[in-house]
């Protein structure tokens, strides 16, 4: 599941909507919406994201947060290390290879460090 998928599921559950009801309101199939929630589909299109924001009547910071999560939720990431150090290339490749074996606490620590570096 992606960060966006988890948030979408939380929004839907908080409003007591079934997957089918929400899919119908957004004009997509329930199968597509389920795949989006489970991270089996890439990022939603900008138009679909705007429909979701409108559907849930989300404004300001919450809408920006949902858009940020969508941008960070592509389950098939490509990392371009061209022009970076050999260590950066090794890190990216090892992460791609070993991510399933990294304990959740370690992932959280690395994510916190990246957020600190990026000023997020």
N, C-alpha and C. Protein backbone atom coordinates (compact mmCIF):
# COMPACT_ATOMS: atom_id res chain seq x y z
N UNK A 1 0.85 -1.18 0.00
CA UNK A 1 0.00 0.00 0.00
C UNK A 1 0.89 1.24 0.00
N UNK A 2 0.49 2.25 -0.71
CA UNK A 2 1.24 3.50 -0.78
C UNK A 2 0.72 4.48 0.27
N UNK A 3 1.49 5.52 0.56
CA UNK A 3 0.99 6.55 1.49
C UNK A 3 -0.33 7.16 1.00
N UNK A 4 -0.44 7.40 -0.30
CA UNK A 4 -1.66 7.95 -0.85
C UNK A 4 -2.81 6.95 -0.71
N UNK A 5 -2.56 5.69 -1.02
CA UNK A 5 -3.59 4.66 -0.90
C UNK A 5 -4.11 4.53 0.52
N UNK A 6 -3.20 4.57 1.49
CA UNK A 6 -3.60 4.48 2.88
C UNK A 6 -4.46 5.68 3.28
N UNK A 7 -4.07 6.87 2.84
CA UNK A 7 -4.84 8.07 3.18
C UNK A 7 -6.21 8.04 2.50
N UNK A 8 -6.25 7.59 1.26
CA UNK A 8 -7.51 7.50 0.53
C UNK A 8 -8.46 6.53 1.24
N UNK A 9 -7.94 5.40 1.66
CA UNK A 9 -8.76 4.43 2.37
C UNK A 9 -9.27 5.01 3.69
N UNK A 10 -8.41 5.74 4.40
CA UNK A 10 -8.81 6.38 5.67
C UNK A 10 -9.93 7.40 5.43
N UNK A 11 -9.79 8.20 4.38
CA UNK A 11 -10.82 9.20 4.07
C UNK A 11 -12.16 8.52 3.77
N UNK A 12 -12.09 7.47 2.98
CA UNK A 12 -13.31 6.75 2.60
C UNK A 12 -13.96 6.11 3.82
N UNK A 13 -13.16 5.49 4.66
CA UNK A 13 -13.69 4.83 5.86
C UNK A 13 -14.29 5.84 6.84
N UNK A 14 -13.61 6.98 6.99
CA UNK A 14 -14.09 8.01 7.92
C UNK A 14 -15.45 8.55 7.50
N UNK A 15 -15.74 8.49 6.22
CA UNK A 15 -17.02 8.99 5.72
C UNK A 15 -18.03 7.87 5.48
N UNK A 16 -17.63 6.66 5.84
CA UNK A 16 -18.55 5.53 5.73
C UNK A 16 -18.94 5.16 4.33
N UNK A 17 -18.02 5.36 3.38
CA UNK A 17 -18.33 5.04 1.98
C UNK A 17 -17.72 3.70 1.60
N UNK A 18 -18.47 2.94 0.84
CA UNK A 18 -17.92 1.71 0.29
C UNK A 18 -17.03 2.06 -0.89
N UNK A 19 -16.21 1.11 -1.25
CA UNK A 19 -15.35 1.29 -2.42
C UNK A 19 -16.21 1.54 -3.66
N UNK A 20 -17.29 0.79 -3.78
CA UNK A 20 -18.17 0.92 -4.94
C UNK A 20 -18.83 2.30 -4.98
N UNK A 21 -19.31 2.80 -3.85
CA UNK A 21 -19.94 4.12 -3.80
C UNK A 21 -18.96 5.22 -4.22
N UNK A 22 -17.75 5.15 -3.68
CA UNK A 22 -16.77 6.18 -4.01
C UNK A 22 -16.36 6.10 -5.48
N UNK A 23 -16.15 4.90 -5.97
CA UNK A 23 -15.76 4.73 -7.37
C UNK A 23 -16.83 5.30 -8.29
N UNK A 24 -18.07 5.02 -7.97
CA UNK A 24 -19.17 5.53 -8.77
C UNK A 24 -19.19 7.06 -8.77
N UNK A 25 -18.99 7.66 -7.60
CA UNK A 25 -19.00 9.12 -7.49
C UNK A 25 -17.85 9.76 -8.25
N UNK A 26 -16.72 9.04 -8.34
CA UNK A 26 -15.54 9.58 -9.03
C UNK A 26 -15.51 9.25 -10.52
N UNK A 27 -16.38 8.34 -10.95
CA UNK A 27 -16.41 7.96 -12.35
C UNK A 27 -15.31 7.00 -12.74
N UNK A 28 -14.90 6.15 -11.79
CA UNK A 28 -13.89 5.12 -12.08
C UNK A 28 -14.46 3.78 -11.62
N UNK A 29 -13.81 2.71 -12.00
CA UNK A 29 -14.29 1.40 -11.57
C UNK A 29 -13.83 1.12 -10.13
N UNK A 30 -14.59 0.28 -9.45
CA UNK A 30 -14.21 -0.12 -8.09
C UNK A 30 -12.89 -0.87 -8.11
N UNK A 31 -12.64 -1.63 -9.18
CA UNK A 31 -11.39 -2.38 -9.30
C UNK A 31 -10.20 -1.42 -9.39
N UNK A 32 -10.36 -0.35 -10.17
CA UNK A 32 -9.28 0.63 -10.29
C UNK A 32 -9.04 1.31 -8.95
N UNK A 33 -10.10 1.72 -8.28
CA UNK A 33 -9.97 2.40 -7.00
C UNK A 33 -9.31 1.48 -5.97
N UNK A 34 -9.69 0.22 -5.97
CA UNK A 34 -9.07 -0.75 -5.06
C UNK A 34 -7.57 -0.89 -5.36
N UNK A 35 -7.23 -0.97 -6.63
CA UNK A 35 -5.82 -1.08 -7.02
C UNK A 35 -5.05 0.17 -6.61
N UNK A 36 -5.67 1.33 -6.71
CA UNK A 36 -5.04 2.59 -6.31
C UNK A 36 -4.81 2.58 -4.80
N UNK A 37 -5.80 2.14 -4.04
CA UNK A 37 -5.65 2.07 -2.58
C UNK A 37 -4.57 1.08 -2.17
N UNK A 38 -4.47 -0.03 -2.88
CA UNK A 38 -3.50 -1.07 -2.51
C UNK A 38 -2.11 -0.86 -3.11
N UNK A 39 -1.92 0.21 -3.87
CA UNK A 39 -0.61 0.49 -4.43
C UNK A 39 -0.26 -0.35 -5.64
N UNK A 40 -1.26 -0.89 -6.29
CA UNK A 40 -1.02 -1.69 -7.49
C UNK A 40 -1.15 -0.86 -8.75
N UNK A 41 -1.52 0.39 -8.59
CA UNK A 41 -1.57 1.35 -9.69
C UNK A 41 -0.67 2.51 -9.32
N UNK A 42 -0.19 3.19 -10.33
CA UNK A 42 0.69 4.33 -10.09
C UNK A 42 -0.07 5.51 -9.51
N UNK A 43 0.54 6.64 -9.61
CA UNK A 43 -0.08 7.85 -9.09
C UNK A 43 -1.38 8.15 -9.84
N UNK A 44 -2.35 8.71 -9.12
CA UNK A 44 -3.58 9.11 -9.83
C UNK A 44 -3.29 10.30 -10.74
N UNK A 45 -4.08 10.45 -11.77
CA UNK A 45 -3.92 11.61 -12.64
C UNK A 45 -4.29 12.86 -11.85
N UNK A 46 -3.87 14.00 -12.35
CA UNK A 46 -4.18 15.27 -11.70
C UNK A 46 -5.70 15.46 -11.66
N UNK A 47 -6.36 15.09 -12.73
CA UNK A 47 -7.83 15.25 -12.80
C UNK A 47 -8.50 14.38 -11.75
N UNK A 48 -8.08 13.11 -11.62
CA UNK A 48 -8.68 12.24 -10.61
C UNK A 48 -8.38 12.76 -9.21
N UNK A 49 -7.20 13.23 -9.00
CA UNK A 49 -6.84 13.79 -7.69
C UNK A 49 -7.75 14.97 -7.35
N UNK A 50 -8.03 15.81 -8.33
CA UNK A 50 -8.93 16.95 -8.09
C UNK A 50 -10.36 16.47 -7.81
N UNK A 51 -10.78 15.40 -8.48
CA UNK A 51 -12.10 14.84 -8.21
C UNK A 51 -12.19 14.31 -6.77
N UNK A 52 -11.13 13.65 -6.34
CA UNK A 52 -11.09 13.12 -4.97
C UNK A 52 -11.15 14.25 -3.95
N UNK A 53 -10.37 15.30 -4.19
CA UNK A 53 -10.36 16.46 -3.29
C UNK A 53 -11.75 17.09 -3.23
N UNK A 54 -12.39 17.22 -4.37
CA UNK A 54 -13.74 17.79 -4.43
C UNK A 54 -14.75 16.86 -3.76
N UNK A 55 -14.63 15.58 -4.04
CA UNK A 55 -15.56 14.59 -3.49
C UNK A 55 -15.57 14.63 -1.97
N UNK A 56 -14.40 14.75 -1.37
CA UNK A 56 -14.30 14.77 0.09
C UNK A 56 -14.37 16.18 0.66
N UNK A 57 -14.54 17.17 -0.22
CA UNK A 57 -14.61 18.57 0.21
C UNK A 57 -13.39 18.94 1.04
N UNK A 58 -12.23 18.56 0.53
CA UNK A 58 -10.96 18.83 1.21
C UNK A 58 -10.44 20.19 0.76
N UNK A 59 -9.96 20.97 1.69
CA UNK A 59 -9.44 22.29 1.35
C UNK A 59 -8.07 22.52 1.97
N UNK A 60 -7.41 23.51 1.48
CA UNK A 60 -6.14 24.05 1.96
C UNK A 60 -5.09 23.00 2.27
N UNK A 61 -4.64 22.97 3.52
CA UNK A 61 -3.51 22.12 3.90
C UNK A 61 -3.78 20.64 3.66
N UNK A 62 -5.01 20.22 3.91
CA UNK A 62 -5.34 18.81 3.71
C UNK A 62 -5.27 18.44 2.23
N UNK A 63 -5.71 19.35 1.37
CA UNK A 63 -5.62 19.10 -0.08
C UNK A 63 -4.17 19.07 -0.53
N UNK A 64 -3.36 19.99 -0.02
CA UNK A 64 -1.94 20.00 -0.37
C UNK A 64 -1.25 18.73 0.12
N UNK A 65 -1.63 18.27 1.31
CA UNK A 65 -1.04 17.06 1.85
C UNK A 65 -1.41 15.85 0.99
N UNK A 66 -2.66 15.78 0.54
CA UNK A 66 -3.08 14.68 -0.31
C UNK A 66 -2.32 14.70 -1.64
N UNK A 67 -2.12 15.89 -2.20
CA UNK A 67 -1.36 16.02 -3.44
C UNK A 67 0.10 15.61 -3.23
N UNK A 68 0.67 15.97 -2.08
CA UNK A 68 2.05 15.59 -1.76
C UNK A 68 2.16 14.08 -1.64
N UNK A 69 1.18 13.46 -0.95
CA UNK A 69 1.20 12.01 -0.81
C UNK A 69 1.08 11.32 -2.17
N UNK A 70 0.25 11.85 -3.04
CA UNK A 70 0.12 11.27 -4.38
C UNK A 70 1.45 11.32 -5.12
N UNK A 71 2.16 12.44 -4.99
CA UNK A 71 3.45 12.58 -5.67
C UNK A 71 4.49 11.61 -5.12
N UNK A 72 4.34 11.22 -3.86
CA UNK A 72 5.29 10.30 -3.22
C UNK A 72 4.83 8.85 -3.24
N UNK A 73 3.84 8.53 -4.03
CA UNK A 73 3.24 7.21 -3.94
C UNK A 73 3.32 6.36 -5.19
N UNK A 74 4.26 6.62 -6.04
CA UNK A 74 4.41 5.74 -7.20
C UNK A 74 5.09 4.46 -6.72
N UNK A 75 4.43 3.31 -6.83
CA UNK A 75 5.02 2.07 -6.31
C UNK A 75 6.17 1.53 -7.15
N UNK A 76 6.39 2.10 -8.32
CA UNK A 76 7.47 1.64 -9.19
C UNK A 76 8.41 2.81 -9.46
N UNK A 77 9.36 2.98 -8.57
CA UNK A 77 10.23 4.14 -8.59
C UNK A 77 11.46 3.87 -9.47
N UNK A 78 11.87 4.89 -10.21
CA UNK A 78 13.11 4.85 -10.97
C UNK A 78 14.01 5.93 -10.40
N UNK A 79 15.23 5.54 -10.05
CA UNK A 79 16.18 6.48 -9.48
C UNK A 79 17.31 6.69 -10.47
N UNK A 80 17.48 7.91 -10.93
CA UNK A 80 18.54 8.25 -11.87
C UNK A 80 19.76 8.73 -11.08
N UNK A 81 20.79 7.91 -11.06
CA UNK A 81 22.01 8.28 -10.33
C UNK A 81 23.13 8.73 -11.27
N UNK A 82 22.79 8.97 -12.52
CA UNK A 82 23.80 9.44 -13.48
C UNK A 82 24.41 10.74 -12.96
N UNK A 83 25.72 10.79 -12.94
CA UNK A 83 26.42 12.00 -12.49
C UNK A 83 26.63 12.05 -10.98
N UNK A 84 26.09 11.08 -10.24
CA UNK A 84 26.30 11.05 -8.80
C UNK A 84 27.47 10.13 -8.47
N UNK A 85 27.83 10.08 -7.22
CA UNK A 85 28.97 9.26 -6.79
C UNK A 85 28.67 7.78 -6.94
N UNK A 86 29.73 6.97 -7.00
CA UNK A 86 29.52 5.51 -7.02
C UNK A 86 28.75 5.04 -5.78
N UNK A 87 28.97 5.69 -4.64
CA UNK A 87 28.28 5.32 -3.41
C UNK A 87 26.77 5.57 -3.54
N UNK A 88 26.41 6.68 -4.20
CA UNK A 88 24.99 6.98 -4.39
C UNK A 88 24.33 5.92 -5.28
N UNK A 89 25.02 5.50 -6.32
CA UNK A 89 24.50 4.46 -7.21
C UNK A 89 24.37 3.14 -6.47
N UNK A 90 25.39 2.80 -5.68
CA UNK A 90 25.33 1.57 -4.90
C UNK A 90 24.17 1.62 -3.91
N UNK A 91 24.03 2.76 -3.22
CA UNK A 91 22.96 2.91 -2.24
C UNK A 91 21.59 2.71 -2.89
N UNK A 92 21.36 3.36 -4.03
CA UNK A 92 20.08 3.25 -4.72
C UNK A 92 19.80 1.81 -5.14
N UNK A 93 20.81 1.13 -5.67
CA UNK A 93 20.62 -0.25 -6.11
C UNK A 93 20.44 -1.21 -4.94
N UNK A 94 21.18 -1.01 -3.87
CA UNK A 94 21.03 -1.88 -2.69
C UNK A 94 19.67 -1.66 -2.05
N UNK A 95 19.23 -0.41 -2.00
CA UNK A 95 17.91 -0.13 -1.45
C UNK A 95 16.83 -0.83 -2.27
N UNK A 96 16.92 -0.72 -3.59
CA UNK A 96 15.94 -1.37 -4.46
C UNK A 96 15.95 -2.89 -4.26
N UNK A 97 17.10 -3.45 -4.09
CA UNK A 97 17.22 -4.90 -3.94
C UNK A 97 16.78 -5.38 -2.56
N UNK A 98 17.12 -4.62 -1.51
CA UNK A 98 16.96 -5.10 -0.14
C UNK A 98 15.81 -4.48 0.65
N UNK A 99 15.02 -3.61 0.04
CA UNK A 99 14.01 -2.87 0.80
C UNK A 99 13.02 -3.79 1.52
N UNK A 100 12.69 -4.92 0.95
CA UNK A 100 11.73 -5.84 1.59
C UNK A 100 12.28 -6.43 2.88
N UNK A 101 13.60 -6.42 3.04
CA UNK A 101 14.23 -7.02 4.22
C UNK A 101 14.60 -6.00 5.30
N UNK A 102 14.38 -4.73 5.03
CA UNK A 102 14.74 -3.69 6.00
C UNK A 102 13.63 -3.58 7.03
N UNK A 103 13.98 -3.67 8.32
CA UNK A 103 12.94 -3.54 9.36
C UNK A 103 12.24 -2.18 9.28
N UNK A 104 10.96 -2.18 9.61
CA UNK A 104 10.14 -0.96 9.53
C UNK A 104 10.75 0.18 10.34
N UNK A 105 11.31 -0.12 11.50
CA UNK A 105 11.93 0.93 12.33
C UNK A 105 13.10 1.58 11.60
N UNK A 106 13.86 0.80 10.87
CA UNK A 106 14.98 1.35 10.09
C UNK A 106 14.48 2.22 8.94
N UNK A 107 13.43 1.77 8.29
CA UNK A 107 12.85 2.56 7.20
C UNK A 107 12.36 3.90 7.75
N UNK A 108 11.68 3.87 8.89
CA UNK A 108 11.19 5.11 9.51
C UNK A 108 12.35 6.04 9.85
N UNK A 109 13.46 5.49 10.36
CA UNK A 109 14.62 6.31 10.71
C UNK A 109 15.24 6.93 9.46
N UNK A 110 15.36 6.14 8.39
CA UNK A 110 15.92 6.68 7.14
C UNK A 110 14.99 7.74 6.56
N UNK A 111 13.69 7.51 6.62
CA UNK A 111 12.73 8.47 6.10
C UNK A 111 12.80 9.78 6.90
N UNK A 112 12.92 9.68 8.21
CA UNK A 112 13.05 10.88 9.05
C UNK A 112 14.31 11.66 8.68
N UNK A 113 15.39 10.95 8.44
CA UNK A 113 16.66 11.59 8.05
C UNK A 113 16.50 12.29 6.70
N UNK A 114 15.85 11.64 5.73
CA UNK A 114 15.64 12.26 4.42
C UNK A 114 14.76 13.51 4.53
N UNK A 115 13.74 13.43 5.38
CA UNK A 115 12.88 14.60 5.58
C UNK A 115 13.66 15.76 6.19
N UNK A 116 14.57 15.43 7.11
CA UNK A 116 15.40 16.47 7.74
C UNK A 116 16.34 17.11 6.73
N UNK A 117 16.89 16.31 5.85
CA UNK A 117 17.79 16.83 4.82
C UNK A 117 17.04 17.69 3.83
N UNK A 118 15.84 17.24 3.45
CA UNK A 118 15.04 17.94 2.46
C UNK A 118 14.25 19.12 3.01
N UNK A 119 14.29 19.32 4.31
CA UNK A 119 13.58 20.43 4.92
C UNK A 119 12.07 20.24 4.96
N UNK A 120 11.64 19.01 4.87
CA UNK A 120 10.19 18.73 4.87
C UNK A 120 9.68 18.50 6.27
